[in-house]
């Protein structure tokens, strides 16, 4: 029974890591897309 419990803990922790990683990637992409107009405006002012 100890092996099954250990295996389930491993599965749960790896699932949690995958969910957190997916949410982190989604948050990063969302932040870039939201900030893109401001970044483009600042870039145009700096290079013009």
N, C-alpha and C. Protein backbone atom coordinates (compact mmCIF):
# COMPACT_ATOMS: atom_id res chain seq x y z
N UNK A 1 0.82 -1.19 0.00
CA UNK A 1 0.00 0.00 0.00
C UNK A 1 0.87 1.26 0.00
N UNK A 2 2.04 1.15 0.62
CA UNK A 2 2.92 2.32 0.66
C UNK A 2 3.38 2.72 -0.74
N UNK A 3 3.62 1.74 -1.61
CA UNK A 3 4.05 2.04 -2.97
C UNK A 3 2.95 2.77 -3.74
N UNK A 4 1.72 2.34 -3.56
CA UNK A 4 0.61 2.98 -4.26
C UNK A 4 0.42 4.41 -3.76
N UNK A 5 0.56 4.64 -2.46
CA UNK A 5 0.43 5.98 -1.91
C UNK A 5 1.55 6.88 -2.43
N UNK A 6 2.76 6.36 -2.48
CA UNK A 6 3.88 7.13 -2.99
C UNK A 6 3.68 7.47 -4.47
N UNK A 7 3.18 6.52 -5.25
CA UNK A 7 2.93 6.76 -6.66
C UNK A 7 1.86 7.84 -6.84
N UNK A 8 0.80 7.78 -6.06
CA UNK A 8 -0.27 8.78 -6.16
C UNK A 8 0.25 10.16 -5.77
N UNK A 9 1.11 10.24 -4.78
CA UNK A 9 1.71 11.53 -4.41
C UNK A 9 2.55 12.08 -5.55
N UNK A 10 3.28 11.22 -6.23
CA UNK A 10 4.09 11.65 -7.36
C UNK A 10 3.21 12.16 -8.49
N UNK A 11 2.12 11.45 -8.77
CA UNK A 11 1.21 11.85 -9.83
C UNK A 11 0.56 13.19 -9.49
N UNK A 12 0.13 13.35 -8.25
CA UNK A 12 -0.51 14.60 -7.83
C UNK A 12 0.46 15.77 -7.91
N UNK A 13 1.70 15.57 -7.48
CA UNK A 13 2.67 16.67 -7.50
C UNK A 13 3.06 17.03 -8.93
N UNK A 14 3.19 16.03 -9.80
CA UNK A 14 3.55 16.34 -11.18
C UNK A 14 2.38 17.03 -11.89
N UNK A 15 1.15 16.64 -11.56
CA UNK A 15 -0.03 17.32 -12.12
C UNK A 15 -0.07 18.77 -11.66
N UNK A 16 0.23 19.00 -10.39
CA UNK A 16 0.23 20.36 -9.86
C UNK A 16 1.30 21.20 -10.54
N UNK A 17 2.46 20.64 -10.77
CA UNK A 17 3.54 21.36 -11.46
C UNK A 17 3.12 21.71 -12.88
N UNK A 18 2.47 20.79 -13.57
CA UNK A 18 2.03 21.05 -14.94
C UNK A 18 0.96 22.14 -14.98
N UNK A 19 0.03 22.12 -14.03
CA UNK A 19 -1.01 23.14 -13.99
C UNK A 19 -0.41 24.50 -13.71
N UNK A 20 0.50 24.58 -12.76
CA UNK A 20 1.14 25.86 -12.43
C UNK A 20 1.97 26.37 -13.61
N UNK A 21 2.66 25.47 -14.30
CA UNK A 21 3.45 25.88 -15.46
C UNK A 21 2.55 26.40 -16.58
N UNK A 22 1.43 25.73 -16.82
CA UNK A 22 0.51 26.18 -17.86
C UNK A 22 -0.08 27.55 -17.51
N UNK A 23 -0.44 27.74 -16.26
CA UNK A 23 -0.98 29.04 -15.84
C UNK A 23 0.08 30.13 -15.93
N UNK A 24 1.32 29.80 -15.64
CA UNK A 24 2.40 30.77 -15.76
C UNK A 24 2.64 31.18 -17.20
N UNK A 25 2.61 30.23 -18.11
CA UNK A 25 2.78 30.56 -19.53
C UNK A 25 1.62 31.42 -20.02
N UNK A 26 0.40 31.06 -19.60
CA UNK A 26 -0.77 31.86 -19.97
C UNK A 26 -0.66 33.28 -19.43
N UNK A 27 -0.20 33.42 -18.18
CA UNK A 27 -0.06 34.75 -17.59
C UNK A 27 1.00 35.58 -18.32
N UNK A 28 2.10 34.95 -18.70
CA UNK A 28 3.16 35.66 -19.41
C UNK A 28 2.68 36.14 -20.78
N UNK A 29 2.01 35.26 -21.52
CA UNK A 29 1.51 35.64 -22.84
C UNK A 29 0.46 36.74 -22.72
N UNK A 30 -0.41 36.63 -21.73
CA UNK A 30 -1.44 37.66 -21.53
C UNK A 30 -0.81 39.00 -21.19
N UNK A 31 0.19 38.99 -20.34
CA UNK A 31 0.85 40.24 -19.96
C UNK A 31 1.52 40.90 -21.17
N UNK A 32 2.16 40.11 -22.00
CA UNK A 32 2.81 40.66 -23.19
C UNK A 32 1.76 41.24 -24.16
N UNK A 33 0.68 40.51 -24.36
CA UNK A 33 -0.35 41.00 -25.28
C UNK A 33 -1.04 42.25 -24.76
N UNK A 34 -1.23 42.34 -23.45
CA UNK A 34 -1.86 43.53 -22.88
C UNK A 34 -0.92 44.72 -22.95
N UNK A 35 0.36 44.49 -22.71
CA UNK A 35 1.33 45.59 -22.67
C UNK A 35 1.86 45.94 -24.06
N UNK A 36 1.51 45.19 -25.09
CA UNK A 36 2.10 45.41 -26.41
C UNK A 36 1.90 46.82 -26.96
N UNK A 37 0.70 47.42 -26.88
CA UNK A 37 0.56 48.79 -27.41
C UNK A 37 1.46 49.80 -26.69
N UNK A 38 1.58 49.67 -25.39
CA UNK A 38 2.44 50.58 -24.64
C UNK A 38 3.91 50.36 -25.02
N UNK A 39 4.32 49.11 -25.16
CA UNK A 39 5.70 48.82 -25.55
C UNK A 39 6.00 49.34 -26.96
N UNK A 40 5.05 49.20 -27.86
CA UNK A 40 5.24 49.69 -29.22
C UNK A 40 5.33 51.23 -29.22
N UNK A 41 4.53 51.87 -28.41
CA UNK A 41 4.56 53.34 -28.34
C UNK A 41 5.90 53.81 -27.77
N UNK A 42 6.34 53.20 -26.70
CA UNK A 42 7.62 53.60 -26.10
C UNK A 42 8.77 53.33 -27.09
N UNK A 43 8.72 52.20 -27.77
CA UNK A 43 9.75 51.88 -28.75
C UNK A 43 9.77 52.86 -29.90
N UNK A 44 8.60 53.29 -30.35
CA UNK A 44 8.58 54.26 -31.45
C UNK A 44 9.10 55.61 -31.00
N UNK A 45 8.88 55.98 -29.76
CA UNK A 45 9.42 57.26 -29.26
C UNK A 45 10.92 57.18 -29.06
N UNK A 46 11.43 56.04 -28.67
CA UNK A 46 12.86 55.91 -28.44
C UNK A 46 13.65 55.88 -29.75
N UNK A 47 13.12 55.23 -30.77
CA UNK A 47 13.87 55.04 -32.00
C UNK A 47 13.54 56.08 -33.07
N UNK A 48 12.66 57.02 -32.79
CA UNK A 48 12.35 58.08 -33.75
C UNK A 48 12.84 59.41 -33.28
